[in-house]
Amino acid sequence: MLDAGAWAQHSAREARGLLAIMNQKMTFDATDRAIIDELRRDGRATNQQIAESLGLTATTVSSRIKRLEDANQMRVVAVSDFSAHGFDFLMRLAIEVDGRKASDVAGELAELPEVYAAHLVTGRYDIDVLVAMSDYRQLSQLLLDKISRIRGIRSMNPSIVIDIIKYQFDVAPIETRS
């Protein structure tokens, strides 16, 4: 059994080792890209199905997916469609902050169930928010009863989405950078 001092040294060594592994630059090769492409096409594909499609073994696919996930380079998630869940009203809300840190205001906005994305941005506004609601009639309650009560909001500029031209879920490109 380790005493408290020995445990602290052991934990610190373990943490440094983990940080060293995390800070190593991970490289993608053609096989990693092919596996990710297969998962983008069908996120429910089994390792065996991906392996057969790419001429690999299921073990190779499994170990590469685990390596990518462990390095925080990839995450397999389920994505649902707004309209499939009854959210027929989308709005972008640009917010200007005054007298308070924009990150604190964005944090409060992010807690609202109607807010699906909150970003700190550059330019005229400080925060950009994506809001989804089932009905236009919920707008006044959201703006007047919830958002306007958040301290530090100087102005809001709502833009209602009238048509979605592109909504891409595989957000992060994995092309190599020069």
N, C-alpha and C. Protein backbone atom coordinates (compact mmCIF):
# COMPACT_ATOMS: atom_id res chain seq x y z
N MET A 1 0.84 -1.17 0.00
CA MET A 1 0.00 0.00 0.00
C MET A 1 0.89 1.24 0.00
N LEU A 2 0.53 2.23 -0.80
CA LEU A 2 1.30 3.48 -0.91
C LEU A 2 0.84 4.47 0.15
N ASP A 3 1.81 5.18 0.77
CA ASP A 3 1.41 6.26 1.67
C ASP A 3 0.99 7.47 0.83
N ALA A 4 0.50 8.51 1.47
CA ALA A 4 -0.04 9.67 0.75
C ALA A 4 1.00 10.33 -0.14
N GLY A 5 2.25 10.47 0.35
CA GLY A 5 3.30 11.10 -0.45
C GLY A 5 3.66 10.27 -1.67
N ALA A 6 3.78 8.95 -1.47
CA ALA A 6 4.12 8.07 -2.59
C ALA A 6 2.98 8.05 -3.60
N TRP A 7 1.74 8.06 -3.11
CA TRP A 7 0.58 8.07 -4.01
C TRP A 7 0.56 9.35 -4.85
N ALA A 8 0.86 10.49 -4.22
CA ALA A 8 0.88 11.76 -4.94
C ALA A 8 1.95 11.74 -6.03
N GLN A 9 3.14 11.19 -5.71
CA GLN A 9 4.21 11.11 -6.72
C GLN A 9 3.80 10.17 -7.85
N HIS A 10 3.20 9.03 -7.49
CA HIS A 10 2.75 8.08 -8.50
C HIS A 10 1.69 8.72 -9.41
N SER A 11 0.73 9.42 -8.79
CA SER A 11 -0.34 10.07 -9.56
C SER A 11 0.22 11.15 -10.46
N ALA A 12 1.19 11.93 -9.96
CA ALA A 12 1.79 12.99 -10.77
C ALA A 12 2.53 12.39 -11.97
N ARG A 13 3.28 11.30 -11.75
CA ARG A 13 3.98 10.63 -12.85
C ARG A 13 2.99 10.11 -13.88
N GLU A 14 1.92 9.51 -13.39
CA GLU A 14 0.89 8.98 -14.29
C GLU A 14 0.25 10.10 -15.10
N ALA A 15 -0.05 11.22 -14.46
CA ALA A 15 -0.66 12.37 -15.15
C ALA A 15 0.30 12.93 -16.19
N ARG A 16 1.61 13.05 -15.85
CA ARG A 16 2.58 13.56 -16.82
C ARG A 16 2.68 12.63 -18.02
N GLY A 17 2.65 11.32 -17.76
CA GLY A 17 2.71 10.35 -18.86
C GLY A 17 1.50 10.46 -19.76
N LEU A 18 0.34 10.62 -19.14
CA LEU A 18 -0.90 10.77 -19.91
C LEU A 18 -0.88 12.05 -20.73
N LEU A 19 -0.40 13.15 -20.13
CA LEU A 19 -0.30 14.41 -20.87
C LEU A 19 0.67 14.28 -22.04
N ALA A 20 1.77 13.58 -21.84
CA ALA A 20 2.74 13.39 -22.93
C ALA A 20 2.10 12.63 -24.08
N ILE A 21 1.33 11.61 -23.76
CA ILE A 21 0.64 10.85 -24.80
C ILE A 21 -0.37 11.73 -25.51
N MET A 22 -1.13 12.52 -24.75
CA MET A 22 -2.16 13.37 -25.35
C MET A 22 -1.56 14.47 -26.21
N ASN A 23 -0.37 14.96 -25.84
CA ASN A 23 0.25 16.05 -26.58
C ASN A 23 1.00 15.59 -27.82
N GLN A 24 1.19 14.29 -27.97
CA GLN A 24 1.85 13.80 -29.17
C GLN A 24 0.96 14.10 -30.36
N LYS A 25 1.56 14.54 -31.44
CA LYS A 25 0.79 14.84 -32.64
C LYS A 25 0.38 13.52 -33.29
N MET A 26 -0.91 13.36 -33.44
CA MET A 26 -1.42 12.15 -34.05
C MET A 26 -1.49 12.36 -35.55
N THR A 27 -1.04 11.37 -36.29
CA THR A 27 -1.11 11.47 -37.74
C THR A 27 -2.20 10.53 -38.25
N PHE A 28 -2.88 10.99 -39.27
CA PHE A 28 -3.89 10.18 -39.94
C PHE A 28 -3.27 9.61 -41.19
N ASP A 29 -3.61 8.38 -41.49
CA ASP A 29 -3.19 7.83 -42.76
C ASP A 29 -4.44 7.50 -43.59
N ALA A 30 -4.22 6.94 -44.76
CA ALA A 30 -5.34 6.66 -45.67
C ALA A 30 -6.34 5.69 -45.04
N THR A 31 -5.86 4.76 -44.24
CA THR A 31 -6.76 3.79 -43.60
C THR A 31 -7.64 4.48 -42.57
N ASP A 32 -7.07 5.38 -41.77
CA ASP A 32 -7.88 6.13 -40.80
C ASP A 32 -8.96 6.93 -41.52
N ARG A 33 -8.57 7.61 -42.58
CA ARG A 33 -9.54 8.40 -43.35
C ARG A 33 -10.65 7.52 -43.94
N ALA A 34 -10.27 6.36 -44.44
CA ALA A 34 -11.26 5.45 -45.02
C ALA A 34 -12.24 4.96 -43.96
N ILE A 35 -11.73 4.64 -42.77
CA ILE A 35 -12.61 4.19 -41.68
C ILE A 35 -13.57 5.31 -41.30
N ILE A 36 -13.06 6.52 -41.17
CA ILE A 36 -13.92 7.66 -40.82
C ILE A 36 -14.95 7.91 -41.92
N ASP A 37 -14.54 7.79 -43.18
CA ASP A 37 -15.50 7.96 -44.28
C ASP A 37 -16.62 6.92 -44.19
N GLU A 38 -16.26 5.68 -43.87
CA GLU A 38 -17.28 4.63 -43.73
C GLU A 38 -18.24 4.95 -42.59
N LEU A 39 -17.70 5.43 -41.47
CA LEU A 39 -18.56 5.78 -40.33
C LEU A 39 -19.42 6.99 -40.64
N ARG A 40 -18.93 7.92 -41.46
CA ARG A 40 -19.75 9.06 -41.86
C ARG A 40 -20.90 8.62 -42.74
N ARG A 41 -20.66 7.62 -43.57
CA ARG A 41 -21.73 7.10 -44.42
C ARG A 41 -22.76 6.34 -43.61
N ASP A 42 -22.29 5.55 -42.64
CA ASP A 42 -23.19 4.75 -41.81
C ASP A 42 -22.58 4.60 -40.42
N GLY A 43 -23.02 5.44 -39.51
CA GLY A 43 -22.48 5.43 -38.15
C GLY A 43 -22.82 4.18 -37.37
N ARG A 44 -23.75 3.37 -37.90
CA ARG A 44 -24.11 2.13 -37.22
C ARG A 44 -23.40 0.91 -37.79
N ALA A 45 -22.52 1.14 -38.75
CA ALA A 45 -21.80 0.01 -39.35
C ALA A 45 -20.94 -0.67 -38.29
N THR A 46 -20.92 -1.99 -38.33
CA THR A 46 -20.09 -2.73 -37.39
C THR A 46 -18.65 -2.71 -37.86
N ASN A 47 -17.74 -3.03 -36.95
CA ASN A 47 -16.33 -3.11 -37.33
C ASN A 47 -16.13 -4.13 -38.44
N GLN A 48 -16.89 -5.22 -38.38
CA GLN A 48 -16.79 -6.27 -39.41
C GLN A 48 -17.24 -5.73 -40.77
N GLN A 49 -18.33 -4.98 -40.80
CA GLN A 49 -18.82 -4.43 -42.06
C GLN A 49 -17.81 -3.44 -42.64
N ILE A 50 -17.25 -2.60 -41.80
CA ILE A 50 -16.25 -1.63 -42.26
C ILE A 50 -15.03 -2.38 -42.78
N ALA A 51 -14.60 -3.40 -42.04
CA ALA A 51 -13.42 -4.19 -42.43
C ALA A 51 -13.63 -4.83 -43.79
N GLU A 52 -14.80 -5.43 -44.00
CA GLU A 52 -15.09 -6.07 -45.29
C GLU A 52 -15.09 -5.06 -46.42
N SER A 53 -15.64 -3.88 -46.15
CA SER A 53 -15.70 -2.84 -47.17
C SER A 53 -14.31 -2.34 -47.56
N LEU A 54 -13.38 -2.33 -46.60
CA LEU A 54 -12.05 -1.77 -46.83
C LEU A 54 -10.96 -2.82 -47.03
N GLY A 55 -11.33 -4.09 -46.92
CA GLY A 55 -10.32 -5.14 -47.07
C GLY A 55 -9.38 -5.22 -45.87
N LEU A 56 -9.92 -4.98 -44.68
CA LEU A 56 -9.14 -5.04 -43.45
C LEU A 56 -9.72 -6.12 -42.54
N THR A 57 -9.10 -6.30 -41.39
CA THR A 57 -9.69 -7.19 -40.39
C THR A 57 -10.50 -6.34 -39.42
N ALA A 58 -11.48 -6.96 -38.77
CA ALA A 58 -12.30 -6.25 -37.79
C ALA A 58 -11.44 -5.78 -36.62
N THR A 59 -10.41 -6.55 -36.28
CA THR A 59 -9.50 -6.16 -35.20
C THR A 59 -8.77 -4.88 -35.54
N THR A 60 -8.31 -4.76 -36.79
CA THR A 60 -7.62 -3.54 -37.23
C THR A 60 -8.56 -2.35 -37.15
N VAL A 61 -9.77 -2.50 -37.63
CA VAL A 61 -10.76 -1.41 -37.59
C VAL A 61 -11.02 -1.02 -36.14
N SER A 62 -11.25 -2.01 -35.29
CA SER A 62 -11.54 -1.74 -33.88
C SER A 62 -10.39 -1.01 -33.20
N SER A 63 -9.17 -1.45 -33.42
CA SER A 63 -8.03 -0.81 -32.75
C SER A 63 -7.81 0.60 -33.28
N ARG A 64 -8.04 0.82 -34.56
CA ARG A 64 -7.86 2.17 -35.10
C ARG A 64 -8.94 3.12 -34.60
N ILE A 65 -10.17 2.66 -34.52
CA ILE A 65 -11.25 3.49 -33.97
C ILE A 65 -10.95 3.84 -32.52
N LYS A 66 -10.51 2.86 -31.74
CA LYS A 66 -10.17 3.11 -30.34
C LYS A 66 -9.04 4.12 -30.22
N ARG A 67 -8.00 3.99 -31.07
CA ARG A 67 -6.87 4.93 -31.05
C ARG A 67 -7.34 6.34 -31.38
N LEU A 68 -8.19 6.48 -32.38
CA LEU A 68 -8.71 7.80 -32.76
C LEU A 68 -9.57 8.40 -31.64
N GLU A 69 -10.39 7.58 -31.01
CA GLU A 69 -11.23 8.06 -29.91
C GLU A 69 -10.38 8.41 -28.69
N ASP A 70 -9.42 7.56 -28.35
CA ASP A 70 -8.55 7.83 -27.19
C ASP A 70 -7.74 9.10 -27.36
N ALA A 71 -7.39 9.43 -28.60
CA ALA A 71 -6.61 10.64 -28.88
C ALA A 71 -7.52 11.86 -29.07
N ASN A 72 -8.82 11.69 -28.82
CA ASN A 72 -9.81 12.76 -29.00
C ASN A 72 -9.78 13.32 -30.42
N GLN A 73 -9.52 12.48 -31.38
CA GLN A 73 -9.50 12.88 -32.78
C GLN A 73 -10.80 12.51 -33.49
N MET A 74 -11.59 11.66 -32.86
CA MET A 74 -12.84 11.23 -33.46
C MET A 74 -13.80 10.83 -32.35
N ARG A 75 -15.08 11.06 -32.63
CA ARG A 75 -16.12 10.66 -31.69
C ARG A 75 -17.30 10.20 -32.54
N VAL A 76 -17.82 9.04 -32.25
CA VAL A 76 -18.98 8.53 -32.97
C VAL A 76 -20.21 8.89 -32.14
N VAL A 77 -21.12 9.67 -32.75
CA VAL A 77 -22.30 10.14 -32.04
C VAL A 77 -23.54 9.98 -32.92
N ALA A 78 -24.69 9.97 -32.29
CA ALA A 78 -25.95 9.98 -33.03
C ALA A 78 -26.36 11.43 -33.24
N VAL A 79 -26.81 11.75 -34.42
CA VAL A 79 -27.26 13.11 -34.73
C VAL A 79 -28.70 13.02 -35.20
N SER A 80 -29.56 13.82 -34.59
CA SER A 80 -30.96 13.79 -35.01
C SER A 80 -31.29 15.06 -35.77
N ASP A 81 -32.32 14.98 -36.56
CA ASP A 81 -32.76 16.09 -37.39
C ASP A 81 -33.74 16.95 -36.59
N PHE A 82 -33.57 18.27 -36.65
CA PHE A 82 -34.46 19.16 -35.90
C PHE A 82 -35.92 18.92 -36.25
N SER A 83 -36.25 18.93 -37.53
CA SER A 83 -37.66 18.82 -37.92
C SER A 83 -38.25 17.46 -37.59
N ALA A 84 -37.42 16.42 -37.56
CA ALA A 84 -37.92 15.09 -37.20
C ALA A 84 -38.41 15.05 -35.75
N HIS A 85 -37.95 15.99 -34.94
CA HIS A 85 -38.35 16.05 -33.54
C HIS A 85 -39.29 17.21 -33.26
N GLY A 86 -39.85 17.77 -34.32
CA GLY A 86 -40.86 18.80 -34.16
C GLY A 86 -40.33 20.21 -34.00
N PHE A 87 -39.04 20.43 -34.24
CA PHE A 87 -38.49 21.77 -34.15
C PHE A 87 -38.52 22.40 -35.54
N ASP A 88 -39.61 23.11 -35.83
CA ASP A 88 -39.82 23.70 -37.14
C ASP A 88 -39.42 25.16 -37.22
N PHE A 89 -38.93 25.71 -36.12
CA PHE A 89 -38.56 27.12 -36.07
C PHE A 89 -37.11 27.22 -35.60
N LEU A 90 -36.23 27.66 -36.51
CA LEU A 90 -34.82 27.87 -36.18
C LEU A 90 -34.51 29.35 -36.27
N MET A 91 -33.66 29.81 -35.36
CA MET A 91 -33.30 31.22 -35.35
C MET A 91 -31.85 31.37 -34.93
N ARG A 92 -31.16 32.26 -35.61
CA ARG A 92 -29.82 32.67 -35.21
C ARG A 92 -29.98 33.96 -34.44
N LEU A 93 -29.30 34.06 -33.31
CA LEU A 93 -29.43 35.23 -32.48
C LEU A 93 -28.03 35.78 -32.22
N ALA A 94 -27.77 36.99 -32.71
CA ALA A 94 -26.49 37.66 -32.48
C ALA A 94 -26.68 38.57 -31.27
N ILE A 95 -25.76 38.46 -30.29
CA ILE A 95 -25.94 39.17 -29.03
C ILE A 95 -24.72 40.03 -28.73
N GLU A 96 -24.99 41.28 -28.35
CA GLU A 96 -23.94 42.20 -27.94
C GLU A 96 -23.99 42.28 -26.41
N VAL A 97 -22.81 42.18 -25.79
CA VAL A 97 -22.71 42.16 -24.34
C VAL A 97 -22.08 43.46 -23.84
N ASP A 98 -22.54 43.92 -22.67
CA ASP A 98 -21.97 45.12 -22.06
C ASP A 98 -22.02 44.96 -20.54
N GLY A 99 -20.92 45.28 -19.87
CA GLY A 99 -20.88 45.28 -18.42
C GLY A 99 -20.70 43.92 -17.78
N ARG A 100 -20.38 42.92 -18.58
CA ARG A 100 -20.21 41.57 -18.06
C ARG A 100 -19.40 40.77 -19.06
N LYS A 101 -18.70 39.77 -18.59
CA LYS A 101 -17.91 38.94 -19.50
C LYS A 101 -18.83 38.19 -20.46
N ALA A 102 -18.50 38.24 -21.74
CA ALA A 102 -19.30 37.56 -22.75
C ALA A 102 -19.36 36.06 -22.48
N SER A 103 -18.29 35.49 -21.98
CA SER A 103 -18.29 34.04 -21.70
C SER A 103 -19.29 33.69 -20.61
N ASP A 104 -19.48 34.57 -19.63
CA ASP A 104 -20.47 34.31 -18.58
C ASP A 104 -21.89 34.37 -19.14
N VAL A 105 -22.13 35.37 -19.99
CA VAL A 105 -23.46 35.50 -20.62
C VAL A 105 -23.72 34.29 -21.51
N ALA A 106 -22.71 33.90 -22.30
CA ALA A 106 -22.86 32.73 -23.19
C ALA A 106 -23.13 31.47 -22.38
N GLY A 107 -22.50 31.35 -21.23
CA GLY A 107 -22.74 30.20 -20.36
C GLY A 107 -24.18 30.13 -19.89
N GLU A 108 -24.75 31.27 -19.53
CA GLU A 108 -26.16 31.30 -19.12
C GLU A 108 -27.09 30.98 -20.28
N LEU A 109 -26.77 31.53 -21.45
CA LEU A 109 -27.58 31.24 -22.64
C LEU A 109 -27.55 29.75 -22.96
N ALA A 110 -26.38 29.16 -22.83
CA ALA A 110 -26.21 27.74 -23.17
C ALA A 110 -27.06 26.83 -22.28
N GLU A 111 -27.45 27.31 -21.10
CA GLU A 111 -28.27 26.52 -20.19
C GLU A 111 -29.74 26.46 -20.61
N LEU A 112 -30.16 27.36 -21.48
CA LEU A 112 -31.56 27.37 -21.92
C LEU A 112 -31.81 26.18 -22.83
N PRO A 113 -32.90 25.45 -22.62
CA PRO A 113 -33.16 24.27 -23.44
C PRO A 113 -33.39 24.56 -24.92
N GLU A 114 -33.80 25.77 -25.24
CA GLU A 114 -34.03 26.15 -26.64
C GLU A 114 -32.74 26.42 -27.39
N VAL A 115 -31.65 26.64 -26.67
CA VAL A 115 -30.36 26.97 -27.28
C VAL A 115 -29.60 25.69 -27.60
N TYR A 116 -29.29 25.51 -28.87
CA TYR A 116 -28.58 24.30 -29.31
C TYR A 116 -27.11 24.56 -29.60
N ALA A 117 -26.72 25.81 -29.73
CA ALA A 117 -25.32 26.14 -29.91
C ALA A 117 -25.11 27.57 -29.45
N ALA A 118 -24.00 27.81 -28.77
CA ALA A 118 -23.64 29.15 -28.34
C ALA A 118 -22.16 29.34 -28.60
N HIS A 119 -21.81 30.41 -29.32
CA HIS A 119 -20.42 30.66 -29.70
C HIS A 119 -20.00 32.07 -29.32
N LEU A 120 -18.80 32.20 -28.79
CA LEU A 120 -18.20 33.53 -28.64
C LEU A 120 -17.59 33.86 -30.00
N VAL A 121 -17.86 35.06 -30.51
CA VAL A 121 -17.44 35.41 -31.87
C VAL A 121 -16.77 36.78 -31.90
N THR A 122 -16.12 37.05 -33.02
CA THR A 122 -15.54 38.36 -33.24
C THR A 122 -16.51 39.19 -34.08
N GLY A 123 -16.27 40.49 -34.16
CA GLY A 123 -17.12 41.35 -34.97
C GLY A 123 -18.01 42.22 -34.10
N ARG A 124 -19.06 42.70 -34.68
CA ARG A 124 -19.96 43.63 -33.99
C ARG A 124 -20.60 43.00 -32.77
N TYR A 125 -20.93 41.72 -32.86
CA TYR A 125 -21.57 41.03 -31.75
C TYR A 125 -20.56 40.15 -31.02
N ASP A 126 -20.90 39.79 -29.79
CA ASP A 126 -19.99 39.01 -28.95
C ASP A 126 -20.35 37.53 -28.92
N ILE A 127 -21.63 37.24 -29.09
CA ILE A 127 -22.13 35.86 -28.97
C ILE A 127 -23.05 35.58 -30.14
N ASP A 128 -22.96 34.36 -30.64
CA ASP A 128 -23.86 33.89 -31.69
C ASP A 128 -24.52 32.63 -31.15
N VAL A 129 -25.86 32.58 -31.24
CA VAL A 129 -26.62 31.48 -30.65
C VAL A 129 -27.54 30.88 -31.71
N LEU A 130 -27.68 29.56 -31.70
CA LEU A 130 -28.67 28.87 -32.55
C LEU A 130 -29.78 28.38 -31.63
N VAL A 131 -31.00 28.80 -31.97
CA VAL A 131 -32.18 28.46 -31.18
C VAL A 131 -33.10 27.60 -32.03
N ALA A 132 -33.69 26.58 -31.42
CA ALA A 132 -34.67 25.73 -32.10
C ALA A 132 -35.91 25.64 -31.22
N MET A 133 -37.07 25.86 -31.85
CA MET A 133 -38.34 25.78 -31.13
C MET A 133 -39.36 25.07 -32.02
N SER A 134 -40.38 24.55 -31.40
CA SER A 134 -41.38 23.84 -32.18
C SER A 134 -42.34 24.78 -32.88
N ASP A 135 -42.44 25.99 -32.36
CA ASP A 135 -43.44 26.90 -32.90
C ASP A 135 -42.99 28.35 -32.75
N TYR A 136 -43.32 29.16 -33.72
CA TYR A 136 -43.01 30.59 -33.73
C TYR A 136 -43.58 31.30 -32.50
N ARG A 137 -44.72 30.81 -32.01
CA ARG A 137 -45.38 31.46 -30.87
C ARG A 137 -44.55 31.39 -29.59
N GLN A 138 -43.54 30.53 -29.53
CA GLN A 138 -42.67 30.44 -28.36
C GLN A 138 -41.62 31.55 -28.34
N LEU A 139 -41.49 32.25 -29.45
CA LEU A 139 -40.44 33.26 -29.60
C LEU A 139 -40.54 34.38 -28.56
N SER A 140 -41.72 34.93 -28.37
CA SER A 140 -41.84 36.05 -27.42
C SER A 140 -41.50 35.60 -26.00
N GLN A 141 -41.92 34.42 -25.61
CA GLN A 141 -41.59 33.94 -24.27
C GLN A 141 -40.08 33.77 -24.12
N LEU A 142 -39.43 33.23 -25.14
CA LEU A 142 -37.98 33.04 -25.07
C LEU A 142 -37.26 34.38 -24.98
N LEU A 143 -37.60 35.30 -25.87
CA LEU A 143 -36.89 36.59 -25.90
C LEU A 143 -37.23 37.48 -24.71
N LEU A 144 -38.52 37.57 -24.38
CA LEU A 144 -38.94 38.51 -23.33
C LEU A 144 -38.82 37.95 -21.92
N ASP A 145 -39.10 36.68 -21.74
CA ASP A 145 -39.12 36.12 -20.39
C ASP A 145 -37.81 35.44 -19.98
N LYS A 146 -37.06 34.97 -20.95
CA LYS A 146 -35.84 34.23 -20.60
C LYS A 146 -34.57 35.00 -20.95
N ILE A 147 -34.38 35.27 -22.22
CA ILE A 147 -33.11 35.86 -22.65
C ILE A 147 -32.95 37.29 -22.17
N SER A 148 -34.00 38.09 -22.22
CA SER A 148 -33.88 39.50 -21.81
C SER A 148 -33.58 39.65 -20.31
N ARG A 149 -33.80 38.62 -19.54
CA ARG A 149 -33.52 38.67 -18.10
C ARG A 149 -32.07 38.33 -17.76
N ILE A 150 -31.31 37.92 -18.75
CA ILE A 150 -29.90 37.59 -18.50
C ILE A 150 -29.12 38.90 -18.45
N ARG A 151 -28.47 39.12 -17.32
CA ARG A 151 -27.72 40.36 -17.10
C ARG A 151 -26.54 40.45 -18.06
N GLY A 152 -26.34 41.65 -18.63
CA GLY A 152 -25.20 41.90 -19.49
C GLY A 152 -25.53 41.95 -20.97
N ILE A 153 -26.74 41.59 -21.35
CA ILE A 153 -27.11 41.63 -22.76
C ILE A 153 -27.49 43.07 -23.11
N ARG A 154 -26.72 43.64 -24.04
CA ARG A 154 -26.98 45.02 -24.47
C ARG A 154 -27.98 45.05 -25.62
N SER A 155 -27.77 44.15 -26.61
CA SER A 155 -28.70 44.11 -27.74
C SER A 155 -28.73 42.71 -28.32
N MET A 156 -29.82 42.43 -29.03
CA MET A 156 -30.00 41.14 -29.70
C MET A 156 -30.42 41.40 -31.14
N ASN A 157 -29.92 40.62 -32.05
CA ASN A 157 -30.29 40.72 -33.46
C ASN A 157 -30.72 39.33 -33.93
N PRO A 158 -32.03 39.06 -33.90
CA PRO A 158 -32.51 37.74 -34.32
C PRO A 158 -32.61 37.64 -35.85
N SER A 159 -32.25 36.48 -36.36
CA SER A 159 -32.42 36.17 -37.78
C SER A 159 -33.12 34.82 -37.86
N ILE A 160 -34.30 34.82 -38.43
CA ILE A 160 -35.09 33.59 -38.53
C ILE A 160 -34.66 32.82 -39.76
N VAL A 161 -34.43 31.53 -39.59
CA VAL A 161 -34.04 30.66 -40.69
C VAL A 161 -35.27 30.39 -41.55
N ILE A 162 -35.17 30.71 -42.84
CA ILE A 162 -36.31 30.46 -43.73
C ILE A 162 -36.10 29.20 -44.59
N ASP A 163 -34.84 28.80 -44.78
CA ASP A 163 -34.56 27.58 -45.53
C ASP A 163 -33.14 27.13 -45.19
N ILE A 164 -32.95 25.84 -45.06
CA ILE A 164 -31.62 25.29 -44.78
C ILE A 164 -31.04 24.78 -46.09
N ILE A 165 -29.97 25.40 -46.52
CA ILE A 165 -29.30 25.01 -47.76
C ILE A 165 -28.29 23.90 -47.49
N LYS A 166 -27.56 24.03 -46.40
CA LYS A 166 -26.57 23.01 -46.04
C LYS A 166 -26.49 22.94 -44.53
N TYR A 167 -26.54 21.74 -43.99
CA TYR A 167 -26.35 21.51 -42.57
C TYR A 167 -25.52 20.25 -42.46
N GLN A 168 -24.24 20.42 -42.34
CA GLN A 168 -23.31 19.30 -42.41
C GLN A 168 -22.92 18.84 -41.02
N PHE A 169 -23.10 17.55 -40.76
CA PHE A 169 -22.84 17.01 -39.44
C PHE A 169 -21.39 16.57 -39.25
N ASP A 170 -20.74 16.16 -40.30
CA ASP A 170 -19.34 15.75 -40.16
C ASP A 170 -18.47 17.00 -40.21
N VAL A 171 -18.54 17.74 -39.12
CA VAL A 171 -18.07 19.10 -39.04
C VAL A 171 -16.56 19.28 -39.26
N ALA A 172 -15.77 18.48 -38.62
CA ALA A 172 -14.32 18.72 -38.65
C ALA A 172 -13.67 17.98 -39.82
N PRO A 173 -13.13 18.72 -40.78
CA PRO A 173 -12.43 18.06 -41.88
C PRO A 173 -11.11 17.46 -41.36
N ILE A 174 -10.67 16.38 -41.98
CA ILE A 174 -9.44 15.75 -41.50
C ILE A 174 -8.36 15.75 -42.57
N GLU A 175 -8.43 16.72 -43.48
CA GLU A 175 -7.38 16.83 -44.47
C GLU A 175 -6.10 17.25 -43.77
N THR A 176 -4.97 16.83 -44.33
CA THR A 176 -3.69 17.22 -43.75
C THR A 176 -3.41 18.68 -44.07
N ARG A 177 -2.81 19.37 -43.12
CA ARG A 177 -2.49 20.78 -43.29
C ARG A 177 -1.05 20.92 -43.73
N SER A 178 -0.80 21.88 -44.59
CA SER A 178 0.57 22.11 -45.06
C SER A 178 1.32 22.98 -44.10
